[in-house]
Amino acid sequence: MHERIAITGSGGMLGRALTEELTSRGGQISPFPGRAALDVADPESIARALDPVAPDVVINASGYTDVDGAEADPEAAFRVNRDGAAALAAYCVRRGALLVHFSTVHVFGGRAVTPYRVDAETAPVNTYGRSKLEGEERIRASEAEHLIVRSSWLFAPFGRNFVRTILERAAREPVIDVVADQVGRPTCARILAEMTGDLIEEGARGTFHAANDGACSWDAFAAEIVKTAGRSCRISPRSSAHRGRPAARPAYGVLDLDETIALIGRPEPWPSAVRACVREILATAGLTVEARRHAG
């Protein structure tokens, strides 16, 4: 991979993973870590940042991802997730670059009983999902060569995410309430970056799903984290209604991976990816799993 690759949102969890992965593959990476470096919803900002780079590929890892916050501030969510996608697509049309854009399982309604195929009917249940769906639609309506990658439940050893939150809470709380009536695919940011690199190298175009193999509920996800860390705290299953959060979530959010697997192979199962993530976090803190088990 020797393309000139610009990555928006490179300071975020996925952006960092993509920068590391694509650099390791020989890509000439130009990272843009935040709005000060490149405002995805401002065509002039995009041109100022990207024209000197002359990218072959523009990877949009930026996004408004605060699901509950989008209910209170929909304008901010649509500005980044819809208008930003449209502006980047327009730039890529002018420059003849490939646009790689990330979307979410939240574009679906969550009432399915089998994994959502790429072409399944969309029906977002929250503002975040609607903003991401409209971003997808703006890209498809443009003439940009594009690859849209939908994923779910992202985690990594770095950044703010579910794994790190549960580890922090497990260190101080004997019982942690976790939602049990939502099911999805936990996805390691590094695995998603690897899958994205593979899709680019295979010439994938259109919409694909990428996530770790397997599915679980949030409470099962949390239980795996706590077990790996050797903590004695208990995970207490709770309903979504009990949490009372501002935004609805898809109750069933499992993405079908068949088309992706056919092209690039089957990804790592989520439990092993979670275990590796937890061990890396503990190692970074100077703790082994055994030491964590006896740390109170």
C-alpha atoms as a PDB file:
ATOM      1  CA  MET A   1       0.000   0.000   0.000  1.00  0.00           C
ATOM      2  CA  HIS A   2       1.863   3.057  -1.265  1.00  0.00           C
ATOM      3  CA  GLU A   3      -0.994   5.510  -1.704  1.00  0.00           C
ATOM      4  CA  ARG A   4      -1.034   8.983  -0.249  1.00  0.00           C
ATOM      5  CA  ILE A   5      -3.665   8.645   2.481  1.00  0.00           C
ATOM      6  CA  ALA A   6      -5.270  11.499   4.420  1.00  0.00           C
ATOM      7  CA  ILE A   7      -7.013  10.537   7.659  1.00  0.00           C
ATOM      8  CA  THR A   8      -9.486  12.940   9.243  1.00  0.00           C
ATOM      9  CA  GLY A   9     -10.135  12.462  12.951  1.00  0.00           C
ATOM     10  CA  SER A  10      -6.732  10.802  13.343  1.00  0.00           C
ATOM     11  CA  GLY A  11      -6.619  11.820  16.995  1.00  0.00           C
ATOM     12  CA  GLY A  12      -9.600   9.626  17.872  1.00  0.00           C
ATOM     13  CA  MET A  13      -9.678   5.951  18.807  1.00  0.00           C
ATOM     14  CA  LEU A  14     -10.305   4.639  15.289  1.00  0.00           C
ATOM     15  CA  GLY A  15      -8.169   7.324  13.665  1.00  0.00           C
ATOM     16  CA  ARG A  16      -5.188   6.335  15.795  1.00  0.00           C
ATOM     17  CA  ALA A  17      -5.647   2.647  14.956  1.00  0.00           C
ATOM     18  CA  LEU A  18      -5.930   3.439  11.240  1.00  0.00           C
ATOM     19  CA  THR A  19      -2.823   5.628  11.302  1.00  0.00           C
ATOM     20  CA  GLU A  20      -0.792   2.849  12.942  1.00  0.00           C
ATOM     21  CA  GLU A  21      -2.136   0.091  10.691  1.00  0.00           C
ATOM     22  CA  LEU A  22      -1.856   1.864   7.350  1.00  0.00           C
ATOM     23  CA  THR A  23       1.581   3.252   8.174  1.00  0.00           C
ATOM     24  CA  SER A  24       2.720  -0.325   8.839  1.00  0.00           C
ATOM     25  CA  ARG A  25       1.482  -1.243   5.352  1.00  0.00           C
ATOM     26  CA  GLY A  26       3.588   1.433   3.701  1.00  0.00           C
ATOM     27  CA  GLY A  27       0.940   4.098   3.233  1.00  0.00           C
ATOM     28  CA  GLN A  28       2.062   7.714   3.053  1.00  0.00           C
ATOM     29  CA  ILE A  29      -0.131   8.973   5.884  1.00  0.00           C
ATOM     30  CA  SER A  30      -1.180  12.577   6.438  1.00  0.00           C
ATOM     31  CA  PRO A  31      -3.046  12.685   9.784  1.00  0.00           C
ATOM     32  CA  PHE A  32      -5.530  15.424  10.655  1.00  0.00           C
ATOM     33  CA  PRO A  33      -6.337  14.960  14.343  1.00  0.00           C
ATOM     34  CA  GLY A  34      -9.195  17.393  14.874  1.00  0.00           C
ATOM     35  CA  ARG A  35     -11.319  20.290  13.712  1.00  0.00           C
ATOM     36  CA  ALA A  36      -8.464  22.766  14.075  1.00  0.00           C
ATOM     37  CA  ALA A  37      -6.456  20.759  11.565  1.00  0.00           C
ATOM     38  CA  LEU A  38      -9.364  20.015   9.214  1.00  0.00           C
ATOM     39  CA  ASP A  39     -13.047  20.896   9.641  1.00  0.00           C
ATOM     40  CA  VAL A  40     -14.875  18.211   7.667  1.00  0.00           C
ATOM     41  CA  ALA A  41     -18.001  20.360   7.247  1.00  0.00           C
ATOM     42  CA  ASP A  42     -16.078  23.324   5.789  1.00  0.00           C
ATOM     43  CA  PRO A  43     -15.101  22.910   2.109  1.00  0.00           C
ATOM     44  CA  GLU A  44     -12.477  25.652   2.371  1.00  0.00           C
ATOM     45  CA  SER A  45     -10.869  23.986   5.389  1.00  0.00           C
ATOM     46  CA  ILE A  46     -10.862  20.657   3.540  1.00  0.00           C
ATOM     47  CA  ALA A  47      -9.162  22.163   0.498  1.00  0.00           C
ATOM     48  CA  ARG A  48      -6.550  24.031   2.585  1.00  0.00           C
ATOM     49  CA  ALA A  49      -5.624  20.868   4.442  1.00  0.00           C
ATOM     50  CA  LEU A  50      -5.797  18.315   1.631  1.00  0.00           C
ATOM     51  CA  ASP A  51      -4.620  20.143  -1.492  1.00  0.00           C
ATOM     52  CA  PRO A  52      -0.954  20.119  -0.389  1.00  0.00           C
ATOM     53  CA  VAL A  53      -1.269  16.377   0.305  1.00  0.00           C
ATOM     54  CA  ALA A  54      -2.953  15.469  -3.006  1.00  0.00           C
ATOM     55  CA  PRO A  55      -4.343  12.276  -1.452  1.00  0.00           C
ATOM     56  CA  ASP A  56      -5.238   9.151  -3.398  1.00  0.00           C
ATOM     57  CA  VAL A  57      -7.432   8.065  -0.475  1.00  0.00           C
ATOM     58  CA  VAL A  58      -9.324  10.178   2.061  1.00  0.00           C
ATOM     59  CA  ILE A  59     -10.337   8.239   5.161  1.00  0.00           C
ATOM     60  CA  ASN A  60     -13.020   9.912   7.237  1.00  0.00           C
ATOM     61  CA  ALA A  61     -12.528   8.701  10.807  1.00  0.00           C
ATOM     62  CA  SER A  62     -14.063  11.855  12.258  1.00  0.00           C
ATOM     63  CA  GLY A  63     -17.581  11.783  13.582  1.00  0.00           C
ATOM     64  CA  TYR A  64     -20.023  13.050  16.173  1.00  0.00           C
ATOM     65  CA  THR A  65     -20.396   9.869  18.238  1.00  0.00           C
ATOM     66  CA  ASP A  66     -22.148  11.042  21.429  1.00  0.00           C
ATOM     67  CA  VAL A  67     -25.390   9.108  20.983  1.00  0.00           C
ATOM     68  CA  ASP A  68     -27.182  10.790  23.885  1.00  0.00           C
ATOM     69  CA  GLY A  69     -25.646  14.191  23.142  1.00  0.00           C
ATOM     70  CA  ALA A  70     -27.085  14.102  19.629  1.00  0.00           C
ATOM     71  CA  GLU A  71     -30.596  14.203  21.079  1.00  0.00           C
ATOM     72  CA  ALA A  72     -29.816  17.489  22.827  1.00  0.00           C
ATOM     73  CA  ASP A  73     -27.763  18.979  19.982  1.00  0.00           C
ATOM     74  CA  PRO A  74     -28.894  17.474  16.658  1.00  0.00           C
ATOM     75  CA  GLU A  75     -27.416  20.376  14.699  1.00  0.00           C
ATOM     76  CA  ALA A  76     -23.910  19.423  15.841  1.00  0.00           C
ATOM     77  CA  ALA A  77     -24.461  15.752  14.973  1.00  0.00           C
ATOM     78  CA  PHE A  78     -25.797  16.490  11.483  1.00  0.00           C
ATOM     79  CA  ARG A  79     -23.067  19.051  10.809  1.00  0.00           C
ATOM     80  CA  VAL A  80     -20.317  16.479  11.256  1.00  0.00           C
ATOM     81  CA  ASN A  81     -22.009  13.207  10.301  1.00  0.00           C
ATOM     82  CA  ARG A  82     -24.082  14.384   7.324  1.00  0.00           C
ATOM     83  CA  ASP A  83     -22.607  17.665   6.105  1.00  0.00           C
ATOM     84  CA  GLY A  84     -19.035  16.528   6.741  1.00  0.00           C
ATOM     85  CA  ALA A  85     -19.577  13.352   4.727  1.00  0.00           C
ATOM     86  CA  ALA A  86     -21.083  15.367   1.873  1.00  0.00           C
ATOM     87  CA  ALA A  87     -18.249  17.913   1.838  1.00  0.00           C
ATOM     88  CA  LEU A  88     -15.568  15.233   1.796  1.00  0.00           C
ATOM     89  CA  ALA A  89     -17.393  13.381  -0.979  1.00  0.00           C
ATOM     90  CA  ALA A  90     -17.511  16.573  -3.057  1.00  0.00           C
ATOM     91  CA  TYR A  91     -13.781  17.075  -2.530  1.00  0.00           C
ATOM     92  CA  CYS A  92     -13.020  13.491  -3.558  1.00  0.00           C
ATOM     93  CA  VAL A  93     -15.066  13.924  -6.741  1.00  0.00           C
ATOM     94  CA  ARG A  94     -13.000  16.959  -7.715  1.00  0.00           C
ATOM     95  CA  ARG A  95      -9.703  15.272  -6.887  1.00  0.00           C
ATOM     96  CA  GLY A  96     -10.502  11.785  -8.128  1.00  0.00           C
ATOM     97  CA  ALA A  97      -9.729  10.307  -4.705  1.00  0.00           C
ATOM     98  CA  LEU A  98     -11.315   7.328  -2.975  1.00  0.00           C
ATOM     99  CA  LEU A  99     -13.415   8.234   0.082  1.00  0.00           C
ATOM    100  CA  VAL A 100     -13.445   5.699   2.903  1.00  0.00           C
ATOM    101  CA  HIS A 101     -16.167   6.575   5.401  1.00  0.00           C
ATOM    102  CA  PHE A 102     -17.250   4.895   8.635  1.00  0.00           C
ATOM    103  CA  SER A 103     -20.863   4.386   9.636  1.00  0.00           C
ATOM    104  CA  THR A 104     -22.720   2.495  12.318  1.00  0.00           C
ATOM    105  CA  VAL A 105     -25.207  -0.209  13.228  1.00  0.00           C
ATOM    106  CA  HIS A 106     -27.392   2.640  14.531  1.00  0.00           C
ATOM    107  CA  VAL A 107     -28.701   3.134  10.982  1.00  0.00           C
ATOM    108  CA  PHE A 108     -30.845   0.039  11.630  1.00  0.00           C
ATOM    109  CA  GLY A 109     -33.966  -0.203  13.753  1.00  0.00           C
ATOM    110  CA  GLY A 110     -32.891  -3.053  15.994  1.00  0.00           C
ATOM    111  CA  ARG A 111     -35.974  -5.227  15.543  1.00  0.00           C
ATOM    112  CA  ALA A 112     -34.320  -7.959  13.473  1.00  0.00           C
ATOM    113  CA  VAL A 113     -33.674 -11.488  14.727  1.00  0.00           C
ATOM    114  CA  THR A 114     -30.883 -12.328  12.265  1.00  0.00           C
ATOM    115  CA  PRO A 115     -27.794 -10.251  11.398  1.00  0.00           C
ATOM    116  CA  TYR A 116     -28.415  -7.147   9.302  1.00  0.00           C
ATOM    117  CA  ARG A 117     -27.212  -7.574   5.752  1.00  0.00           C
ATOM    118  CA  VAL A 118     -25.611  -4.631   3.973  1.00  0.00           C
ATOM    119  CA  ASP A 119     -28.770  -3.985   1.948  1.00  0.00           C
ATOM    120  CA  ALA A 120     -31.228  -4.435   4.841  1.00  0.00           C
ATOM    121  CA  GLU A 121     -33.866  -1.770   5.382  1.00  0.00           C
ATOM    122  CA  THR A 122     -32.626   1.124   7.491  1.00  0.00           C
ATOM    123  CA  ALA A 123     -34.754   2.660  10.247  1.00  0.00           C
ATOM    124  CA  PRO A 124     -32.715   4.622  12.818  1.00  0.00           C
ATOM    125  CA  VAL A 125     -34.239   4.940  16.277  1.00  0.00           C
ATOM    126  CA  ASN A 126     -32.157   7.934  17.364  1.00  0.00           C
ATOM    127  CA  THR A 127     -30.755  11.222  16.055  1.00  0.00           C
ATOM    128  CA  TYR A 128     -27.221   9.870  15.884  1.00  0.00           C
ATOM    129  CA  GLY A 129     -28.360   7.046  13.609  1.00  0.00           C
ATOM    130  CA  ARG A 130     -30.302   9.420  11.383  1.00  0.00           C
ATOM    131  CA  SER A 131     -27.299  11.723  11.029  1.00  0.00           C
ATOM    132  CA  LYS A 132     -25.052   8.814  10.077  1.00  0.00           C
ATOM    133  CA  LEU A 133     -27.598   7.413   7.612  1.00  0.00           C
ATOM    134  CA  GLU A 134     -27.964  10.781   5.905  1.00  0.00           C
ATOM    135  CA  GLY A 135     -24.178  10.941   5.666  1.00  0.00           C
ATOM    136  CA  GLU A 136     -24.186   7.581   3.887  1.00  0.00           C
ATOM    137  CA  GLU A 137     -26.911   8.789   1.539  1.00  0.00           C
ATOM    138  CA  ARG A 138     -25.037  11.988   0.660  1.00  0.00           C
ATOM    139  CA  ILE A 139     -21.965   9.968  -0.257  1.00  0.00           C
ATOM    140  CA  ARG A 140     -23.932   7.531  -2.421  1.00  0.00           C
ATOM    141  CA  ALA A 141     -25.711  10.405  -4.166  1.00  0.00           C
ATOM    142  CA  SER A 142     -22.379  12.001  -5.047  1.00  0.00           C
ATOM    143  CA  GLU A 143     -20.169  10.736  -7.838  1.00  0.00           C
ATOM    144  CA  ALA A 144     -17.361   9.952  -5.419  1.00  0.00           C
ATOM    145  CA  GLU A 145     -15.653   6.593  -5.582  1.00  0.00           C
ATOM    146  CA  HIS A 146     -16.362   5.341  -2.084  1.00  0.00           C
ATOM    147  CA  LEU A 147     -16.155   2.610   0.502  1.00  0.00           C
ATOM    148  CA  ILE A 148     -18.594   2.892   3.429  1.00  0.00           C
ATOM    149  CA  VAL A 149     -17.705   0.652   6.378  1.00  0.00           C
ATOM    150  CA  ARG A 150     -20.331   0.072   9.069  1.00  0.00           C
ATOM    151  CA  SER A 151     -19.216  -1.179  12.459  1.00  0.00           C
ATOM    152  CA  SER A 152     -20.359  -1.348  16.093  1.00  0.00           C
ATOM    153  CA  TRP A 153     -19.374  -1.227  19.775  1.00  0.00           C
ATOM    154  CA  LEU A 154     -15.826   0.042  19.234  1.00  0.00           C
ATOM    155  CA  PHE A 155     -13.130  -0.451  21.865  1.00  0.00           C
ATOM    156  CA  ALA A 156      -9.338  -0.146  22.146  1.00  0.00           C
ATOM    157  CA  PRO A 157      -6.582  -0.054  24.765  1.00  0.00           C
ATOM    158  CA  PHE A 158      -6.553   3.729  24.295  1.00  0.00           C
ATOM    159  CA  GLY A 159      -9.241   6.409  24.230  1.00  0.00           C
ATOM    160  CA  ARG A 160     -12.552   6.506  26.072  1.00  0.00           C
ATOM    161  CA  ASN A 161     -14.516   3.317  25.478  1.00  0.00           C
ATOM    162  CA  PHE A 162     -16.513   0.585  27.194  1.00  0.00           C
ATOM    163  CA  VAL A 163     -13.549  -1.648  28.077  1.00  0.00           C
ATOM    164  CA  ARG A 164     -11.646   1.108  29.842  1.00  0.00           C
ATOM    165  CA  THR A 165     -14.783   2.345  31.607  1.00  0.00           C
ATOM    166  CA  ILE A 166     -15.640  -1.099  32.974  1.00  0.00           C
ATOM    167  CA  LEU A 167     -12.052  -1.642  34.140  1.00  0.00           C
ATOM    168  CA  GLU A 168     -12.077   1.676  35.966  1.00  0.00           C
ATOM    169  CA  ARG A 169     -15.411   0.934  37.620  1.00  0.00           C
ATOM    170  CA  ALA A 170     -14.387  -2.644  38.486  1.00  0.00           C
ATOM    171  CA  ALA A 171     -11.457  -1.250  40.463  1.00  0.00           C
ATOM    172  CA  ARG A 172     -13.745   0.607  42.856  1.00  0.00           C
ATOM    173  CA  GLU A 173     -17.281  -0.863  42.695  1.00  0.00           C
ATOM    174  CA  PRO A 174     -18.398  -4.291  43.975  1.00  0.00           C
ATOM    175  CA  VAL A 175     -21.425  -4.348  41.620  1.00  0.00           C
ATOM    176  CA  ILE A 176     -21.789  -2.774  38.167  1.00  0.00           C
ATOM    177  CA  ASP A 177     -25.183  -2.418  36.493  1.00  0.00           C
ATOM    178  CA  VAL A 178     -24.942  -3.147  32.759  1.00  0.00           C
ATOM    179  CA  VAL A 179     -27.637  -3.289  30.064  1.00  0.00           C
ATOM    180  CA  ALA A 180     -28.586  -6.858  29.152  1.00  0.00           C
ATOM    181  CA  ASP A 181     -31.292  -6.376  26.489  1.00  0.00           C
ATOM    182  CA  GLN A 182     -29.102  -5.036  23.669  1.00  0.00           C
ATOM    183  CA  VAL A 183     -27.060  -7.373  21.476  1.00  0.00           C
ATOM    184  CA  GLY A 184     -24.264  -6.488  19.075  1.00  0.00           C
ATOM    185  CA  ARG A 185     -20.741  -7.185  17.887  1.00  0.00           C
ATOM    186  CA  PRO A 186     -17.944  -5.712  20.035  1.00  0.00           C
ATOM    187  CA  THR A 187     -15.231  -4.435  17.682  1.00  0.00           C
ATOM    188  CA  CYS A 188     -11.579  -3.771  18.435  1.00  0.00           C
ATOM    189  CA  ALA A 189     -10.454  -0.557  16.705  1.00  0.00           C
ATOM    190  CA  ARG A 190      -7.245  -2.261  15.614  1.00  0.00           C
ATOM    191  CA  ILE A 191      -9.162  -5.144  14.049  1.00  0.00           C
ATOM    192  CA  LEU A 192     -11.449  -2.665  12.287  1.00  0.00           C
ATOM    193  CA  ALA A 193      -8.363  -0.836  10.992  1.00  0.00           C
ATOM    194  CA  GLU A 194      -6.896  -4.111   9.723  1.00  0.00           C
ATOM    195  CA  MET A 195     -10.149  -5.058   8.024  1.00  0.00           C
ATOM    196  CA  THR A 196     -10.379  -1.612   6.455  1.00  0.00           C
ATOM    197  CA  GLY A 197      -6.851  -1.912   5.106  1.00  0.00           C
ATOM    198  CA  ASP A 198      -7.704  -5.319   3.654  1.00  0.00           C
ATOM    199  CA  LEU A 199     -10.870  -3.981   2.037  1.00  0.00           C
ATOM    200  CA  ILE A 200      -8.961  -1.090   0.452  1.00  0.00           C
ATOM    201  CA  GLU A 201      -6.274  -3.424  -0.850  1.00  0.00           C
ATOM    202  CA  GLU A 202      -8.914  -5.772  -2.293  1.00  0.00           C
ATOM    203  CA  GLY A 203     -10.526  -2.865  -4.159  1.00  0.00           C
ATOM    204  CA  ALA A 204     -13.807  -3.022  -2.219  1.00  0.00           C
ATOM    205  CA  ARG A 205     -16.343  -0.359  -3.171  1.00  0.00           C
ATOM    206  CA  GLY A 206     -19.840   0.364  -1.926  1.00  0.00           C
ATOM    207  CA  THR A 207     -20.956  -0.604   1.591  1.00  0.00           C
ATOM    208  CA  PHE A 208     -19.437  -3.311   3.796  1.00  0.00           C
ATOM    209  CA  HIS A 209     -19.784  -4.394   7.404  1.00  0.00           C
ATOM    210  CA  ALA A 210     -16.680  -4.875   9.543  1.00  0.00           C
ATOM    211  CA  ALA A 211     -16.544  -6.071  13.149  1.00  0.00           C
ATOM    212  CA  ASN A 212     -15.114  -8.822  15.289  1.00  0.00           C
ATOM    213  CA  ASP A 213     -16.695 -12.242  14.891  1.00  0.00           C
ATOM    214  CA  GLY A 214     -19.452 -13.253  17.291  1.00  0.00           C
ATOM    215  CA  ALA A 215     -22.089 -11.301  19.193  1.00  0.00           C
ATOM    216  CA  CYS A 216     -23.114 -10.701  22.794  1.00  0.00           C
ATOM    217  CA  SER A 217     -25.078  -8.440  25.111  1.00  0.00           C
ATOM    218  CA  TRP A 218     -23.469  -5.512  26.913  1.00  0.00           C
ATOM    219  CA  ASP A 219     -23.512  -7.364  30.248  1.00  0.00           C
ATOM    220  CA  ALA A 220     -21.756 -10.386  28.706  1.00  0.00           C
ATOM    221  CA  PHE A 221     -19.198  -7.999  27.191  1.00  0.00           C
ATOM    222  CA  ALA A 222     -18.613  -6.479  30.632  1.00  0.00           C
ATOM    223  CA  ALA A 223     -18.358  -9.915  32.258  1.00  0.00           C
ATOM    224  CA  GLU A 224     -15.559 -10.906  29.867  1.00  0.00           C
ATOM    225  CA  ILE A 225     -13.665  -7.720  30.728  1.00  0.00           C
ATOM    226  CA  VAL A 226     -13.992  -8.251  34.477  1.00  0.00           C
ATOM    227  CA  LYS A 227     -13.094 -11.939  34.257  1.00  0.00           C
ATOM    228  CA  THR A 228      -9.964 -11.231  32.217  1.00  0.00           C
ATOM    229  CA  ALA A 229      -8.873  -8.523  34.651  1.00  0.00           C
ATOM    230  CA  GLY A 230      -9.340 -10.907  37.576  1.00  0.00           C
ATOM    231  CA  ARG A 231     -11.675  -8.612  39.443  1.00  0.00           C
ATOM    232  CA  SER A 232     -14.237  -9.942  41.925  1.00  0.00           C
ATOM    233  CA  CYS A 233     -16.969  -7.394  41.218  1.00  0.00           C
ATOM    234  CA  ARG A 234     -20.334  -8.646  39.978  1.00  0.00           C
ATOM    235  CA  ILE A 235     -22.036  -7.612  36.739  1.00  0.00           C
ATOM    236  CA  SER A 236     -25.725  -6.972  37.405  1.00  0.00           C
ATOM    237  CA  PRO A 237     -27.922  -7.220  34.264  1.00  0.00           C
ATOM    238  CA  ARG A 238     -30.349  -4.342  33.774  1.00  0.00           C
ATOM    239  CA  SER A 239     -32.900  -3.374  31.135  1.00  0.00           C
ATOM    240  CA  SER A 240     -32.462  -0.394  28.846  1.00  0.00           C
ATOM    241  CA  ALA A 241     -35.542   1.156  30.435  1.00  0.00           C
ATOM    242  CA  HIS A 242     -33.829   0.967  33.825  1.00  0.00           C
ATOM    243  CA  ARG A 243     -30.945   3.109  32.501  1.00  0.00           C
ATOM    244  CA  GLY A 244     -33.349   5.784  31.211  1.00  0.00           C
ATOM    245  CA  ARG A 245     -30.924   7.287  28.703  1.00  0.00           C
ATOM    246  CA  PRO A 246     -32.049  10.133  26.368  1.00  0.00           C
ATOM    247  CA  ALA A 247     -31.477   8.196  23.121  1.00  0.00           C
ATOM    248  CA  ALA A 248     -33.027   4.869  22.204  1.00  0.00           C
ATOM    249  CA  ARG A 249     -30.617   2.138  21.108  1.00  0.00           C
ATOM    250  CA  PRO A 250     -31.159  -0.742  18.648  1.00  0.00           C
ATOM    251  CA  ALA A 251     -32.093  -3.770  20.745  1.00  0.00           C
ATOM    252  CA  TYR A 252     -30.563  -6.065  18.117  1.00  0.00           C
ATOM    253  CA  GLY A 253     -27.503  -4.601  16.432  1.00  0.00           C
ATOM    254  CA  VAL A 254     -25.665  -7.532  14.883  1.00  0.00           C
ATOM    255  CA  LEU A 255     -24.143  -6.771  11.482  1.00  0.00           C
ATOM    256  CA  ASP A 256     -23.964  -9.511   8.863  1.00  0.00           C
ATOM    257  CA  LEU A 257     -20.326 -10.084   7.856  1.00  0.00           C
ATOM    258  CA  ASP A 258     -20.803 -12.618   5.048  1.00  0.00           C
ATOM    259  CA  GLU A 259     -19.795 -10.335   2.171  1.00  0.00           C
ATOM    260  CA  THR A 260     -16.767  -9.074   4.057  1.00  0.00           C
ATOM    261  CA  ILE A 261     -15.669 -12.579   5.064  1.00  0.00           C
ATOM    262  CA  ALA A 262     -15.985 -13.742   1.453  1.00  0.00           C
ATOM    263  CA  LEU A 263     -13.590 -10.997   0.375  1.00  0.00           C
ATOM    264  CA  ILE A 264     -11.005 -10.774   3.175  1.00  0.00           C
ATOM    265  CA  GLY A 265     -11.603 -13.732   5.496  1.00  0.00           C
ATOM    266  CA  ARG A 266     -13.128 -14.200   8.930  1.00  0.00           C
ATOM    267  CA  PRO A 267     -12.107 -11.718  11.664  1.00  0.00           C
ATOM    268  CA  GLU A 268     -10.919 -12.578  15.151  1.00  0.00           C
ATOM    269  CA  PRO A 269     -13.688 -13.480  17.640  1.00  0.00           C
ATOM    270  CA  TRP A 270     -14.581 -10.657  20.014  1.00  0.00           C
ATOM    271  CA  PRO A 271     -13.699 -12.470  23.291  1.00  0.00           C
ATOM    272  CA  SER A 272     -10.042 -12.971  22.355  1.00  0.00           C
ATOM    273  CA  ALA A 273      -9.797  -9.364  21.124  1.00  0.00           C
ATOM    274  CA  VAL A 274     -11.251  -8.142  24.429  1.00  0.00           C
ATOM    275  CA  ARG A 275      -8.830 -10.266  26.437  1.00  0.00           C
ATOM    276  CA  ALA A 276      -5.861  -8.894  24.490  1.00  0.00           C
ATOM    277  CA  CYS A 277      -7.141  -5.339  25.002  1.00  0.00           C
ATOM    278  CA  VAL A 278      -7.570  -5.783  28.758  1.00  0.00           C
ATOM    279  CA  ARG A 279      -4.112  -7.296  29.143  1.00  0.00           C
ATOM    280  CA  GLU A 280      -2.550  -4.412  27.221  1.00  0.00           C
ATOM    281  CA  ILE A 281      -4.328  -1.847  29.404  1.00  0.00           C
ATOM    282  CA  LEU A 282      -3.170  -3.602  32.571  1.00  0.00           C
ATOM    283  CA  ALA A 283       0.383  -3.937  31.247  1.00  0.00           C
ATOM    284  CA  THR A 284       0.468  -0.241  30.424  1.00  0.00           C
ATOM    285  CA  ALA A 285      -0.550   0.443  34.029  1.00  0.00           C
ATOM    286  CA  GLY A 286       2.252  -1.832  35.233  1.00  0.00           C
ATOM    287  CA  LEU A 287      -0.083  -4.606  36.345  1.00  0.00           C
ATOM    288  CA  THR A 288      -0.378  -8.206  35.240  1.00  0.00           C
ATOM    289  CA  VAL A 289      -3.740  -9.950  35.419  1.00  0.00           C
ATOM    290  CA  GLU A 290      -2.571 -11.780  38.535  1.00  0.00           C
ATOM    291  CA  ALA A 291      -1.431  -8.570  40.223  1.00  0.00           C
ATOM    292  CA  ARG A 292      -4.768  -6.931  39.405  1.00  0.00           C
ATOM    293  CA  ARG A 293      -6.557  -9.911  40.975  1.00  0.00           C
ATOM    294  CA  HIS A 294      -4.828  -9.254  44.307  1.00  0.00           C
ATOM    295  CA  ALA A 295      -4.955  -5.457  44.164  1.00  0.00           C
ATOM    296  CA  GLY A 296      -7.967  -5.143  46.435  1.00  0.00           C
END
